[in-house]
Amino acid sequence: MDKEHNQDCRACMAVVLPSLDPDRKFQKVVEGLVEAGFQHIVIVDDGSSTQRRPFFEAAARIPACTVLTHEVNKGKGRALKTAFACVMERFPELRGVITIDGDGQHLVPDIIACGQKMLEHEESVVLGCRDFSLPGIPPRSVAGNKTTSRFFRILFGIRLSDTQTGLRAIPARYLETFCGIEGERFEYETNMLLYMKRLSIPFLEQPIATVYDPDDYSSHYNAVKDSLRITKVMLRFLATGSGFRYLVSSLLAFVVDNGLYHLLFSLLLGRNAAELASALAQAIARALSSLFNFTMNDRFVFRSTAEHGKAFVKYYCLCIPQTLISLVCLTALVSALEIGSPALATAVKILVETALFFISYFIQKKWVFKKK
């Protein structure tokens, strides 16, 4: 295969097509891929009924097609992983795969555009993204996509215009990693996006046509049910990520900090004015709890690969101003509210610290403990 020919995705990439109980649309999709010149089409029959098997048998007679079969339905995620494993084993020379759906929503020119863009950016996964602002798109699809897009942006900092796209061009270097991602059914595609973020796998968006069949669409998507399923996957992923570990670390530091503050404020209050006792108690408690928090965040939360000394300096460049802000706010509130109770002063301190919690997390993740 010469170099120029090797730059054509139809020759050097495999199209991956998982399918369950296909119809005539599936047949037209396969025929369109063959007519366009794709040389490697990997089809997975994911436990289809006996009546639908002729569609796969017809595809298997096409030289460009490789048909794999699950005897029982295992889900789209497992079907994709079966196809990825096949490509790695049988076609190790290929430069990547393009996953598509068999319902005709992905047009051949868009499939080619995603493949070619991946060949131009071989470090990146290319996502074919639909424009949901166009008229005529089913409201349930618009609602579902907007909901998950907001969650992706707020919880994970991932900006995607189409979180549910099945058209994805994936470099071969990531196939083994993607085979190990959790998920057997539709949640797998969501997990794939989340792990791309966690593993720092870059992605690009490629605008594609928005195609819907109004007579057949109702069977494809349930906005409430599918959005809840995807949301559950995202929340579970969040619980295993740095955000959850940061929460645990912060809660432990919170106990140390506020426990020491309450104890020291009680000891110092009889000898000093309330404002001074509060300031001294907070300064000492924060010095000790911050050392504990730095160690936890460095080793447990962010599992930093940054140089320990530099991370320590950065941490205190953040911690000291944050402590001063907290100190000024708390002292002002203790004075303004004329607080003389250690319990009430501790409660006010908790409110102030909670407001600074989220800002501190993002700064530590992006700057203090940033991975190389």
Protein backbone atom coordinates (compact mmCIF):
# COMPACT_ATOMS: atom_id res chain seq x y z
CA MET A 1 0.00 0.00 0.00
CA ASP A 2 1.70 3.24 -1.13
CA LYS A 3 1.84 6.31 1.09
CA GLU A 4 -0.82 8.27 -0.81
CA HIS A 5 -3.21 5.33 -0.72
CA ASN A 6 -2.45 4.84 2.94
CA GLN A 7 -3.91 8.29 3.64
CA ASP A 8 -7.36 7.20 2.46
CA CYS A 9 -9.45 6.07 5.43
CA ARG A 10 -11.40 3.70 3.18
CA ALA A 11 -8.24 1.64 2.72
CA CYS A 12 -6.47 1.96 6.08
CA MET A 13 -9.33 2.09 8.59
CA ALA A 14 -12.02 -0.41 9.49
CA VAL A 15 -15.67 0.51 9.82
CA VAL A 16 -17.19 -1.09 12.92
CA LEU A 17 -20.92 -1.77 12.73
CA PRO A 18 -22.68 -3.44 15.71
CA SER A 19 -26.26 -4.49 15.01
CA LEU A 20 -29.23 -6.15 16.70
CA ASP A 21 -32.18 -7.35 14.61
CA PRO A 22 -31.37 -5.23 11.53
CA ASP A 23 -33.76 -4.22 8.75
CA ARG A 24 -33.44 -2.86 5.22
CA LYS A 25 -31.66 0.22 6.54
CA PHE A 26 -28.79 -1.98 7.67
CA GLN A 27 -28.55 -3.50 4.21
CA LYS A 28 -28.44 -0.04 2.60
CA VAL A 29 -25.74 1.09 5.04
CA VAL A 30 -23.53 -1.89 4.17
CA GLU A 31 -24.12 -1.44 0.45
CA GLY A 32 -23.29 2.27 0.74
CA LEU A 33 -20.01 1.52 2.52
CA VAL A 34 -19.01 -1.05 -0.12
CA GLU A 35 -19.91 1.27 -3.00
CA ALA A 36 -17.87 4.06 -1.37
CA GLY A 37 -14.81 1.77 -1.40
CA PHE A 38 -14.34 0.79 2.23
CA GLN A 39 -12.14 -2.31 2.25
CA HIS A 40 -12.62 -3.40 5.88
CA ILE A 41 -16.12 -3.53 7.38
CA VAL A 42 -16.40 -5.38 10.70
CA ILE A 43 -20.01 -6.25 11.54
CA VAL A 44 -21.15 -7.70 14.87
CA ASP A 45 -24.42 -9.63 15.05
CA ASP A 46 -25.29 -9.03 18.69
CA GLY A 47 -27.66 -11.95 19.25
CA SER A 48 -30.22 -11.14 16.54
CA SER A 49 -33.30 -13.27 16.01
CA THR A 50 -33.26 -16.11 13.48
CA GLN A 51 -35.53 -14.15 11.14
CA ARG A 52 -32.94 -11.36 10.83
CA ARG A 53 -29.93 -13.58 10.24
CA PRO A 54 -30.22 -13.39 6.41
CA PHE A 55 -29.03 -9.76 6.56
CA PHE A 56 -25.77 -10.90 8.16
CA GLU A 57 -25.43 -13.87 5.83
CA ALA A 58 -25.71 -11.54 2.84
CA ALA A 59 -23.08 -9.24 4.31
CA ALA A 60 -20.73 -12.17 5.00
CA ARG A 61 -20.68 -12.95 1.28
CA ILE A 62 -19.14 -9.54 0.55
CA PRO A 63 -15.31 -9.76 0.51
CA ALA A 64 -14.88 -6.47 2.36
CA CYS A 65 -17.07 -7.61 5.26
CA THR A 66 -16.09 -9.57 8.36
CA VAL A 67 -19.14 -10.76 10.30
CA LEU A 68 -18.78 -11.67 13.97
CA THR A 69 -21.59 -13.28 15.95
CA HIS A 70 -22.78 -13.19 19.55
CA GLU A 71 -25.09 -16.13 20.08
CA VAL A 72 -27.06 -14.10 22.63
CA ASN A 73 -27.48 -10.36 22.99
CA LYS A 74 -24.60 -8.90 25.02
CA GLY A 75 -25.11 -5.19 24.41
CA LYS A 76 -23.62 -2.52 22.20
CA GLY A 77 -20.61 -1.99 24.45
CA ARG A 78 -19.60 -5.65 24.27
CA ALA A 79 -20.22 -5.70 20.51
CA LEU A 80 -17.87 -2.74 20.03
CA LYS A 81 -15.18 -4.37 22.16
CA THR A 82 -15.56 -7.63 20.21
CA ALA A 83 -14.99 -5.70 16.99
CA PHE A 84 -12.00 -3.79 18.42
CA ALA A 85 -10.36 -7.06 19.48
CA CYS A 86 -10.95 -8.51 16.03
CA VAL A 87 -9.32 -5.53 14.32
CA MET A 88 -6.27 -5.76 16.58
CA GLU A 89 -5.91 -9.48 15.91
CA ARG A 90 -6.77 -9.76 12.21
CA PHE A 91 -5.87 -6.33 10.85
CA PRO A 92 -2.95 -5.02 12.93
CA GLU A 93 -1.74 -2.93 9.97
CA LEU A 94 -4.83 -0.68 10.05
CA ARG A 95 -4.51 2.79 11.51
CA GLY A 96 -7.83 2.93 13.30
CA VAL A 97 -11.55 2.22 13.26
CA ILE A 98 -14.72 4.21 12.60
CA THR A 99 -17.73 3.16 14.66
CA ILE A 100 -21.15 3.75 13.11
CA ASP A 101 -24.79 2.81 13.67
CA GLY A 102 -26.75 0.62 11.28
CA ASP A 103 -29.92 2.72 11.14
CA GLY A 104 -28.82 5.06 8.36
CA GLN A 105 -28.24 8.11 10.59
CA HIS A 106 -24.58 8.27 9.60
CA LEU A 107 -24.07 9.28 5.99
CA VAL A 108 -21.13 7.95 4.00
CA PRO A 109 -19.60 11.42 3.34
CA ASP A 110 -19.64 12.10 7.10
CA ILE A 111 -18.08 8.72 7.85
CA ILE A 112 -15.29 9.49 5.39
CA ALA A 113 -14.85 13.01 6.81
CA CYS A 114 -14.37 11.67 10.34
CA GLY A 115 -11.91 9.04 9.15
CA GLN A 116 -9.86 11.51 7.15
CA LYS A 117 -9.76 13.97 10.04
CA MET A 118 -8.45 11.24 12.32
CA LEU A 119 -5.69 10.43 9.84
CA GLU A 120 -4.67 14.09 9.94
CA HIS A 121 -4.69 14.08 13.78
CA GLU A 122 -3.59 10.58 14.77
CA GLU A 123 -3.31 11.44 18.47
CA SER A 124 -7.01 12.33 18.64
CA VAL A 125 -10.35 10.56 18.63
CA VAL A 126 -12.74 12.27 16.18
CA LEU A 127 -16.39 12.54 17.19
CA GLY A 128 -19.05 13.12 14.55
CA CYS A 129 -21.33 15.71 16.15
CA ARG A 130 -24.86 16.64 15.10
CA ASP A 131 -26.30 20.15 15.31
CA PHE A 132 -29.25 19.99 17.72
CA SER A 133 -30.23 23.60 17.09
CA LEU A 134 -31.64 22.76 13.66
CA PRO A 135 -35.42 22.61 13.19
CA GLY A 136 -37.19 19.27 12.94
CA ILE A 137 -35.12 17.38 15.51
CA PRO A 138 -37.29 15.38 17.96
CA PRO A 139 -37.64 17.33 21.25
CA ARG A 140 -36.73 14.26 23.33
CA SER A 141 -33.39 14.01 21.57
CA VAL A 142 -32.67 17.72 22.06
CA ALA A 143 -33.59 17.48 25.75
CA GLY A 144 -31.53 14.35 26.33
CA ASN A 145 -28.44 15.70 24.63
CA LYS A 146 -28.62 19.08 26.38
CA THR A 147 -28.99 17.38 29.76
CA THR A 148 -25.97 15.12 29.35
CA SER A 149 -23.90 17.90 27.74
CA ARG A 150 -24.46 20.10 30.80
CA PHE A 151 -23.46 17.27 33.12
CA PHE A 152 -20.31 16.63 31.11
CA ARG A 153 -19.35 20.30 31.27
CA ILE A 154 -20.18 20.89 34.94
CA LEU A 155 -18.93 17.63 36.47
CA PHE A 156 -15.96 16.82 34.24
CA GLY A 157 -15.01 19.96 32.34
CA ILE A 158 -15.70 18.19 29.03
CA ARG A 159 -17.27 20.41 26.36
CA LEU A 160 -19.13 18.30 23.81
CA SER A 161 -21.89 19.39 21.48
CA ASP A 162 -23.09 15.79 20.99
CA THR A 163 -22.48 13.37 23.87
CA GLN A 164 -24.52 10.56 22.31
CA THR A 165 -22.92 10.26 18.91
CA GLY A 166 -22.15 6.76 17.68
CA LEU A 167 -19.92 8.01 14.85
CA ARG A 168 -16.38 7.97 16.22
CA ALA A 169 -13.02 7.61 14.51
CA ILE A 170 -10.57 5.98 16.91
CA PRO A 171 -6.80 5.62 16.36
CA ALA A 172 -5.52 2.04 16.57
CA ARG A 173 -3.24 2.95 19.47
CA TYR A 174 -6.27 3.33 21.77
CA LEU A 175 -8.16 0.15 20.88
CA GLU A 176 -6.57 -2.01 23.57
CA THR A 177 -7.32 0.66 26.18
CA PHE A 178 -10.92 0.98 25.01
CA CYS A 179 -11.37 -2.79 25.21
CA GLY A 180 -10.67 -2.54 28.93
CA ILE A 181 -13.23 0.18 29.65
CA GLU A 182 -16.18 -0.85 31.79
CA GLY A 183 -19.63 -1.18 30.22
CA GLU A 184 -21.44 -3.79 28.18
CA ARG A 185 -24.41 -1.86 26.83
CA PHE A 186 -25.17 1.73 25.85
CA GLU A 187 -23.41 3.10 28.92
CA TYR A 188 -20.11 1.96 27.38
CA GLU A 189 -20.10 4.86 24.92
CA THR A 190 -20.52 7.32 27.79
CA ASN A 191 -17.75 5.62 29.74
CA MET A 192 -15.53 5.87 26.68
CA LEU A 193 -15.86 9.67 26.70
CA LEU A 194 -15.23 9.88 30.43
CA TYR A 195 -12.12 7.72 30.28
CA MET A 196 -10.81 9.80 27.39
CA LYS A 197 -10.86 12.71 29.83
CA ARG A 198 -9.28 10.72 32.68
CA LEU A 199 -6.55 9.27 30.44
CA SER A 200 -5.90 12.60 28.68
CA ILE A 201 -6.84 11.21 25.25
CA PRO A 202 -7.53 14.23 23.05
CA PHE A 203 -10.63 14.48 20.89
CA LEU A 204 -11.88 16.63 18.02
CA GLU A 205 -15.40 17.28 16.80
CA GLN A 206 -16.44 16.90 13.18
CA PRO A 207 -19.81 18.42 12.19
CA ILE A 208 -22.09 15.86 10.53
CA ALA A 209 -25.59 15.82 9.09
CA THR A 210 -28.50 15.36 11.48
CA VAL A 211 -30.64 12.55 10.09
CA TYR A 212 -33.87 11.30 11.67
CA ASP A 213 -36.73 9.18 10.40
CA PRO A 214 -39.88 10.62 12.04
CA ASP A 215 -41.78 7.39 11.36
CA ASP A 216 -39.24 5.20 13.14
CA TYR A 217 -37.56 7.47 15.66
CA SER A 218 -39.74 6.72 18.68
CA SER A 219 -38.18 3.30 19.16
CA HIS A 220 -34.62 4.64 19.29
CA TYR A 221 -34.48 6.92 22.31
CA ASN A 222 -36.27 7.44 25.61
CA ALA A 223 -35.21 10.86 26.90
CA VAL A 224 -36.03 10.22 30.56
CA LYS A 225 -34.89 6.61 30.84
CA ASP A 226 -31.72 6.96 28.78
CA SER A 227 -30.74 10.28 30.35
CA LEU A 228 -31.12 8.79 33.83
CA ARG A 229 -29.02 5.79 32.82
CA ILE A 230 -26.26 8.01 31.44
CA THR A 231 -26.44 10.28 34.49
CA LYS A 232 -26.02 7.24 36.75
CA VAL A 233 -22.90 6.22 34.81
CA MET A 234 -21.44 9.72 35.12
CA LEU A 235 -22.10 9.96 38.84
CA ARG A 236 -20.58 6.54 39.43
CA PHE A 237 -17.54 7.57 37.41
CA LEU A 238 -17.28 10.76 39.44
CA ALA A 239 -17.30 8.69 42.63
CA THR A 240 -14.18 6.83 41.50
CA GLY A 241 -12.30 9.91 40.27
CA SER A 242 -10.18 12.62 41.83
CA GLY A 243 -13.30 14.63 42.70
CA PHE A 244 -14.52 11.96 45.10
CA ARG A 245 -11.06 11.40 46.57
CA TYR A 246 -10.72 15.16 47.00
CA LEU A 247 -14.02 15.18 48.87
CA VAL A 248 -12.79 12.41 51.20
CA SER A 249 -9.47 14.19 51.76
CA SER A 250 -11.22 17.49 52.38
CA LEU A 251 -13.64 15.93 54.85
CA LEU A 252 -10.76 14.45 56.83
CA ALA A 253 -8.88 17.75 56.78
CA PHE A 254 -12.15 19.43 57.71
CA VAL A 255 -12.43 17.25 60.83
CA VAL A 256 -8.82 17.97 61.81
CA ASP A 257 -9.10 21.70 61.11
CA ASN A 258 -12.40 22.36 62.82
CA GLY A 259 -11.70 19.99 65.69
CA LEU A 260 -8.47 21.83 66.46
CA TYR A 261 -10.17 25.22 65.97
CA HIS A 262 -12.93 24.35 68.41
CA LEU A 263 -10.45 23.06 71.00
CA LEU A 264 -8.04 26.00 70.65
CA PHE A 265 -10.81 28.61 70.64
CA SER A 266 -12.16 27.13 73.84
CA LEU A 267 -8.70 27.25 75.49
CA LEU A 268 -7.84 30.78 74.30
CA LEU A 269 -11.23 32.45 74.82
CA GLY A 270 -10.80 32.95 78.55
CA ARG A 271 -7.47 34.76 78.14
CA ASN A 272 -8.17 36.83 75.02
CA ALA A 273 -10.92 38.74 73.26
CA ALA A 274 -13.17 36.59 71.07
CA GLU A 275 -11.79 38.07 67.83
CA LEU A 276 -8.14 37.41 68.81
CA ALA A 277 -8.94 33.94 70.18
CA SER A 278 -10.69 33.07 66.92
CA ALA A 279 -7.80 34.35 64.77
CA LEU A 280 -5.13 32.50 66.76
CA ALA A 281 -7.14 29.28 66.87
CA GLN A 282 -7.78 29.36 63.14
CA ALA A 283 -4.15 30.12 62.25
CA ILE A 284 -2.77 27.23 64.31
CA ALA A 285 -5.50 24.80 63.22
CA ARG A 286 -5.02 25.67 59.56
CA ALA A 287 -1.22 25.27 59.72
CA LEU A 288 -1.55 21.73 61.06
CA SER A 289 -4.53 20.66 58.94
CA SER A 290 -2.97 22.06 55.74
CA LEU A 291 0.09 19.82 56.16
CA PHE A 292 -2.25 16.86 56.53
CA ASN A 293 -4.32 17.98 53.50
CA PHE A 294 -1.26 18.50 51.27
CA THR A 295 0.02 15.00 52.00
CA MET A 296 -3.38 13.45 51.28
CA ASN A 297 -3.90 15.38 48.04
CA ASP A 298 -0.39 14.73 46.78
CA ARG A 299 -0.38 10.98 47.42
CA PHE A 300 -4.01 9.93 47.44
CA VAL A 301 -6.22 12.42 45.58
CA PHE A 302 -4.33 13.62 42.51
CA ARG A 303 -1.54 11.03 42.66
CA SER A 304 0.71 13.74 41.38
CA THR A 305 3.71 13.12 39.16
CA ALA A 306 4.88 16.69 39.68
CA GLU A 307 8.06 17.38 41.64
CA HIS A 308 7.19 17.17 45.35
CA GLY A 309 8.96 20.40 46.33
CA LYS A 310 7.33 22.48 43.59
CA ALA A 311 3.91 21.07 44.42
CA PHE A 312 4.49 21.97 48.08
CA VAL A 313 5.33 25.58 47.19
CA LYS A 314 2.34 25.87 44.84
CA TYR A 315 0.04 24.37 47.44
CA TYR A 316 0.97 27.00 50.01
CA CYS A 317 0.80 29.76 47.39
CA LEU A 318 -2.86 28.75 47.22
CA CYS A 319 -3.33 27.80 50.88
CA ILE A 320 -1.99 31.00 52.44
CA PRO A 321 -4.23 33.43 50.49
CA GLN A 322 -7.17 31.08 51.01
CA THR A 323 -6.44 31.02 54.75
CA LEU A 324 -6.19 34.80 54.88
CA ILE A 325 -9.49 35.19 53.04
CA SER A 326 -11.12 32.72 55.38
CA LEU A 327 -9.52 34.40 58.40
CA VAL A 328 -10.69 37.88 57.43
CA CYS A 329 -14.22 36.70 56.64
CA LEU A 330 -14.53 34.65 59.84
CA THR A 331 -13.07 37.34 62.08
CA ALA A 332 -15.39 39.93 60.58
CA LEU A 333 -18.41 37.69 61.07
CA VAL A 334 -17.45 36.82 64.67
CA SER A 335 -17.15 40.53 65.41
CA ALA A 336 -20.24 41.64 63.49
CA LEU A 337 -22.45 38.92 64.96
CA GLU A 338 -20.88 39.27 68.43
CA ILE A 339 -20.26 35.53 68.61
CA GLY A 340 -18.98 34.28 71.95
CA SER A 341 -19.80 30.59 71.57
CA PRO A 342 -17.17 28.16 70.27
CA ALA A 343 -19.89 26.00 68.68
CA LEU A 344 -21.47 28.93 66.81
CA ALA A 345 -18.06 30.24 65.70
CA THR A 346 -17.20 26.78 64.36
CA ALA A 347 -20.51 26.65 62.45
CA VAL A 348 -19.78 30.02 60.81
CA LYS A 349 -16.28 28.84 59.92
CA ILE A 350 -17.75 25.77 58.20
CA LEU A 351 -19.94 27.97 55.99
CA VAL A 352 -16.97 30.13 54.98
CA GLU A 353 -14.78 27.10 54.19
CA THR A 354 -17.51 25.45 52.13
CA ALA A 355 -17.64 28.46 49.83
CA LEU A 356 -13.88 28.11 49.17
CA PHE A 357 -14.00 24.32 48.72
CA PHE A 358 -14.84 24.12 45.01
CA ILE A 359 -12.49 26.91 43.93
CA SER A 360 -9.62 25.21 45.72
CA TYR A 361 -10.33 21.86 44.05
CA PHE A 362 -10.08 23.18 40.49
CA ILE A 363 -6.94 25.21 41.22
CA GLN A 364 -5.21 22.23 42.83
CA LYS A 365 -6.20 19.90 40.00
CA LYS A 366 -5.20 22.25 37.17
CA TRP A 367 -2.12 23.87 38.73
CA VAL A 368 -0.79 22.53 42.04
CA PHE A 369 -0.88 18.79 41.30
CA LYS A 370 -1.06 18.96 37.51
CA LYS A 371 0.21 15.75 35.97
CA LYS A 372 3.10 15.82 33.55
